[in-house]
Amino acid sequence: MVDTIRRYVDATVAVAVMALLGIMSGVVAAGLTGDSKLTVLAAVVAFVLTGVVLMVRLWRMTRRPVLPPGPAV
């Protein structure tokens, strides 16, 4: 049960990080350009790219290392 709760907490933190970076990039884009379409696009792109980076990190952490072959006997 603790593993399940930990997974939900980790997923919530990941989504919060994705949303925070998306919102920050949207605010920066709005401050620099003032264009609402560009603001939304920047926020969505930052959200998706953060999700991709987190998924790649998770994938690399969960892969099992391949052991080199043993000595020939």
N, C-alpha and C. Protein backbone atom coordinates (compact mmCIF):
# COMPACT_ATOMS: atom_id res chain seq x y z
N MET A 1 0.82 -1.19 0.00
CA MET A 1 0.00 0.00 0.00
C MET A 1 0.87 1.26 0.00
N VAL A 2 2.00 1.21 0.70
CA VAL A 2 2.89 2.35 0.74
C VAL A 2 3.46 2.63 -0.64
N ASP A 3 3.76 1.58 -1.42
CA ASP A 3 4.26 1.77 -2.78
C ASP A 3 3.25 2.50 -3.65
N THR A 4 1.98 2.16 -3.49
CA THR A 4 0.93 2.80 -4.28
C THR A 4 0.82 4.27 -3.93
N ILE A 5 0.85 4.58 -2.65
CA ILE A 5 0.76 5.98 -2.23
C ILE A 5 1.97 6.76 -2.72
N ARG A 6 3.15 6.13 -2.65
CA ARG A 6 4.36 6.79 -3.12
C ARG A 6 4.27 7.09 -4.62
N ARG A 7 3.73 6.17 -5.40
CA ARG A 7 3.58 6.40 -6.84
C ARG A 7 2.64 7.56 -7.13
N TYR A 8 1.54 7.64 -6.37
CA TYR A 8 0.61 8.75 -6.55
C TYR A 8 1.25 10.08 -6.17
N VAL A 9 2.03 10.09 -5.10
CA VAL A 9 2.71 11.31 -4.69
C VAL A 9 3.75 11.71 -5.74
N ASP A 10 4.52 10.74 -6.24
CA ASP A 10 5.51 11.05 -7.28
C ASP A 10 4.84 11.58 -8.54
N ALA A 11 3.73 10.99 -8.93
CA ALA A 11 3.02 11.45 -10.12
C ALA A 11 2.47 12.86 -9.91
N THR A 12 1.97 13.14 -8.72
CA THR A 12 1.45 14.47 -8.43
C THR A 12 2.56 15.51 -8.47
N VAL A 13 3.71 15.17 -7.93
CA VAL A 13 4.85 16.09 -7.96
C VAL A 13 5.30 16.33 -9.40
N ALA A 14 5.33 15.26 -10.21
CA ALA A 14 5.74 15.40 -11.61
C ALA A 14 4.79 16.33 -12.37
N VAL A 15 3.50 16.14 -12.19
CA VAL A 15 2.52 17.00 -12.88
C VAL A 15 2.62 18.43 -12.37
N ALA A 16 2.88 18.61 -11.09
CA ALA A 16 3.03 19.96 -10.54
C ALA A 16 4.26 20.65 -11.14
N VAL A 17 5.35 19.91 -11.29
CA VAL A 17 6.55 20.49 -11.90
C VAL A 17 6.27 20.85 -13.35
N MET A 18 5.59 19.97 -14.07
CA MET A 18 5.25 20.24 -15.46
C MET A 18 4.38 21.50 -15.57
N ALA A 19 3.38 21.59 -14.70
CA ALA A 19 2.48 22.75 -14.75
C ALA A 19 3.21 24.03 -14.37
N LEU A 20 4.07 23.96 -13.36
CA LEU A 20 4.81 25.15 -12.95
C LEU A 20 5.71 25.67 -14.07
N LEU A 21 6.44 24.77 -14.73
CA LEU A 21 7.30 25.21 -15.83
C LEU A 21 6.47 25.72 -17.02
N GLY A 22 5.33 25.10 -17.27
CA GLY A 22 4.46 25.59 -18.34
C GLY A 22 3.92 26.98 -18.05
N ILE A 23 3.49 27.20 -16.82
CA ILE A 23 2.96 28.51 -16.43
C ILE A 23 4.06 29.57 -16.48
N MET A 24 5.24 29.22 -15.98
CA MET A 24 6.35 30.18 -16.00
C MET A 24 6.73 30.57 -17.42
N SER A 25 6.79 29.60 -18.31
CA SER A 25 7.14 29.94 -19.70
C SER A 25 6.04 30.74 -20.36
N GLY A 26 4.79 30.47 -20.02
CA GLY A 26 3.69 31.26 -20.56
C GLY A 26 3.74 32.70 -20.09
N VAL A 27 4.06 32.91 -18.82
CA VAL A 27 4.16 34.27 -18.29
C VAL A 27 5.32 35.02 -18.94
N VAL A 28 6.45 34.33 -19.12
CA VAL A 28 7.59 34.96 -19.76
C VAL A 28 7.26 35.33 -21.21
N ALA A 29 6.60 34.40 -21.92
CA ALA A 29 6.22 34.68 -23.30
C ALA A 29 5.23 35.84 -23.38
N ALA A 30 4.31 35.91 -22.43
CA ALA A 30 3.35 37.01 -22.41
C ALA A 30 4.05 38.33 -22.14
N GLY A 31 5.03 38.31 -21.25
CA GLY A 31 5.76 39.54 -20.94
C GLY A 31 6.62 40.02 -22.09
N LEU A 32 7.18 39.07 -22.83
CA LEU A 32 8.05 39.45 -23.94
C LEU A 32 7.30 39.84 -25.20
N THR A 33 6.21 39.14 -25.49
CA THR A 33 5.53 39.37 -26.77
C THR A 33 4.17 40.02 -26.63
N GLY A 34 3.41 39.68 -25.60
CA GLY A 34 2.06 40.20 -25.46
C GLY A 34 1.05 39.47 -26.32
N ASP A 35 1.48 38.45 -27.06
CA ASP A 35 0.59 37.70 -27.94
C ASP A 35 0.00 36.52 -27.18
N SER A 36 -1.33 36.43 -27.11
CA SER A 36 -1.97 35.37 -26.32
C SER A 36 -1.78 34.00 -26.95
N LYS A 37 -1.78 33.91 -28.27
CA LYS A 37 -1.58 32.61 -28.92
C LYS A 37 -0.17 32.09 -28.66
N LEU A 38 0.81 32.95 -28.72
CA LEU A 38 2.19 32.56 -28.45
C LEU A 38 2.37 32.17 -26.98
N THR A 39 1.64 32.84 -26.11
CA THR A 39 1.69 32.51 -24.69
C THR A 39 1.20 31.10 -24.43
N VAL A 40 0.06 30.77 -25.01
CA VAL A 40 -0.51 29.43 -24.84
C VAL A 40 0.41 28.39 -25.47
N LEU A 41 0.94 28.68 -26.64
CA LEU A 41 1.84 27.75 -27.32
C LEU A 41 3.09 27.50 -26.48
N ALA A 42 3.67 28.55 -25.93
CA ALA A 42 4.87 28.38 -25.10
C ALA A 42 4.57 27.56 -23.86
N ALA A 43 3.43 27.79 -23.24
CA ALA A 43 3.06 27.03 -22.04
C ALA A 43 2.85 25.57 -22.37
N VAL A 44 2.16 25.28 -23.46
CA VAL A 44 1.90 23.89 -23.85
C VAL A 44 3.20 23.18 -24.23
N VAL A 45 4.05 23.85 -24.97
CA VAL A 45 5.32 23.23 -25.38
C VAL A 45 6.19 22.95 -24.16
N ALA A 46 6.26 23.87 -23.22
CA ALA A 46 7.06 23.65 -22.01
C ALA A 46 6.48 22.51 -21.19
N PHE A 47 5.16 22.42 -21.08
CA PHE A 47 4.50 21.35 -20.34
C PHE A 47 4.83 19.99 -20.97
N VAL A 48 4.70 19.91 -22.28
CA VAL A 48 4.95 18.63 -22.97
C VAL A 48 6.43 18.25 -22.91
N LEU A 49 7.32 19.20 -23.15
CA LEU A 49 8.75 18.89 -23.10
C LEU A 49 9.20 18.47 -21.71
N THR A 50 8.64 19.08 -20.69
CA THR A 50 8.97 18.66 -19.33
C THR A 50 8.48 17.24 -19.09
N GLY A 51 7.30 16.91 -19.58
CA GLY A 51 6.80 15.54 -19.46
C GLY A 51 7.67 14.54 -20.18
N VAL A 52 8.16 14.91 -21.36
CA VAL A 52 9.04 14.02 -22.12
C VAL A 52 10.35 13.79 -21.36
N VAL A 53 10.92 14.85 -20.83
CA VAL A 53 12.18 14.72 -20.09
C VAL A 53 11.98 13.84 -18.85
N LEU A 54 10.90 14.05 -18.13
CA LEU A 54 10.64 13.22 -16.95
C LEU A 54 10.40 11.76 -17.33
N MET A 55 9.71 11.51 -18.43
CA MET A 55 9.48 10.13 -18.86
C MET A 55 10.77 9.45 -19.28
N VAL A 56 11.66 10.17 -19.97
CA VAL A 56 12.94 9.59 -20.37
C VAL A 56 13.77 9.27 -19.13
N ARG A 57 13.78 10.17 -18.15
CA ARG A 57 14.51 9.90 -16.92
C ARG A 57 13.95 8.68 -16.20
N LEU A 58 12.64 8.57 -16.14
CA LEU A 58 12.01 7.41 -15.50
C LEU A 58 12.35 6.14 -16.25
N TRP A 59 12.31 6.20 -17.57
CA TRP A 59 12.62 5.03 -18.38
C TRP A 59 14.07 4.59 -18.16
N ARG A 60 14.99 5.55 -18.10
CA ARG A 60 16.40 5.20 -17.91
C ARG A 60 16.67 4.68 -16.50
N MET A 61 15.92 5.18 -15.51
CA MET A 61 16.12 4.71 -14.14
C MET A 61 15.61 3.29 -13.94
N THR A 62 14.58 2.90 -14.67
CA THR A 62 13.96 1.60 -14.45
C THR A 62 14.53 0.50 -15.33
N ARG A 63 15.41 0.84 -16.27
CA ARG A 63 16.01 -0.20 -17.11
C ARG A 63 17.01 -0.99 -16.29
N ARG A 64 17.04 -2.28 -16.54
CA ARG A 64 18.03 -3.12 -15.87
C ARG A 64 19.32 -3.10 -16.67
N PRO A 65 20.43 -2.95 -15.99
CA PRO A 65 21.70 -2.95 -16.73
C PRO A 65 22.00 -4.35 -17.26
N VAL A 66 22.59 -4.39 -18.42
CA VAL A 66 22.96 -5.66 -19.04
C VAL A 66 24.36 -6.00 -18.58
N LEU A 67 24.50 -7.15 -17.99
CA LEU A 67 25.82 -7.57 -17.52
C LEU A 67 26.66 -8.05 -18.68
N PRO A 68 27.95 -7.77 -18.65
CA PRO A 68 28.80 -8.27 -19.71
C PRO A 68 28.90 -9.80 -19.62
N PRO A 69 29.15 -10.46 -20.74
CA PRO A 69 29.24 -11.92 -20.69
C PRO A 69 30.41 -12.35 -19.81
N GLY A 70 30.23 -13.49 -19.15
CA GLY A 70 31.27 -14.02 -18.27
C GLY A 70 32.43 -14.58 -19.09
N PRO A 71 33.49 -14.92 -18.40
CA PRO A 71 34.64 -15.47 -19.12
C PRO A 71 34.31 -16.83 -19.75
N ALA A 72 34.89 -17.07 -20.91
CA ALA A 72 34.64 -18.34 -21.60
C ALA A 72 35.36 -19.45 -20.84
N VAL A 73 34.64 -20.55 -20.64
CA VAL A 73 35.24 -21.67 -19.91
C VAL A 73 35.55 -22.80 -20.84
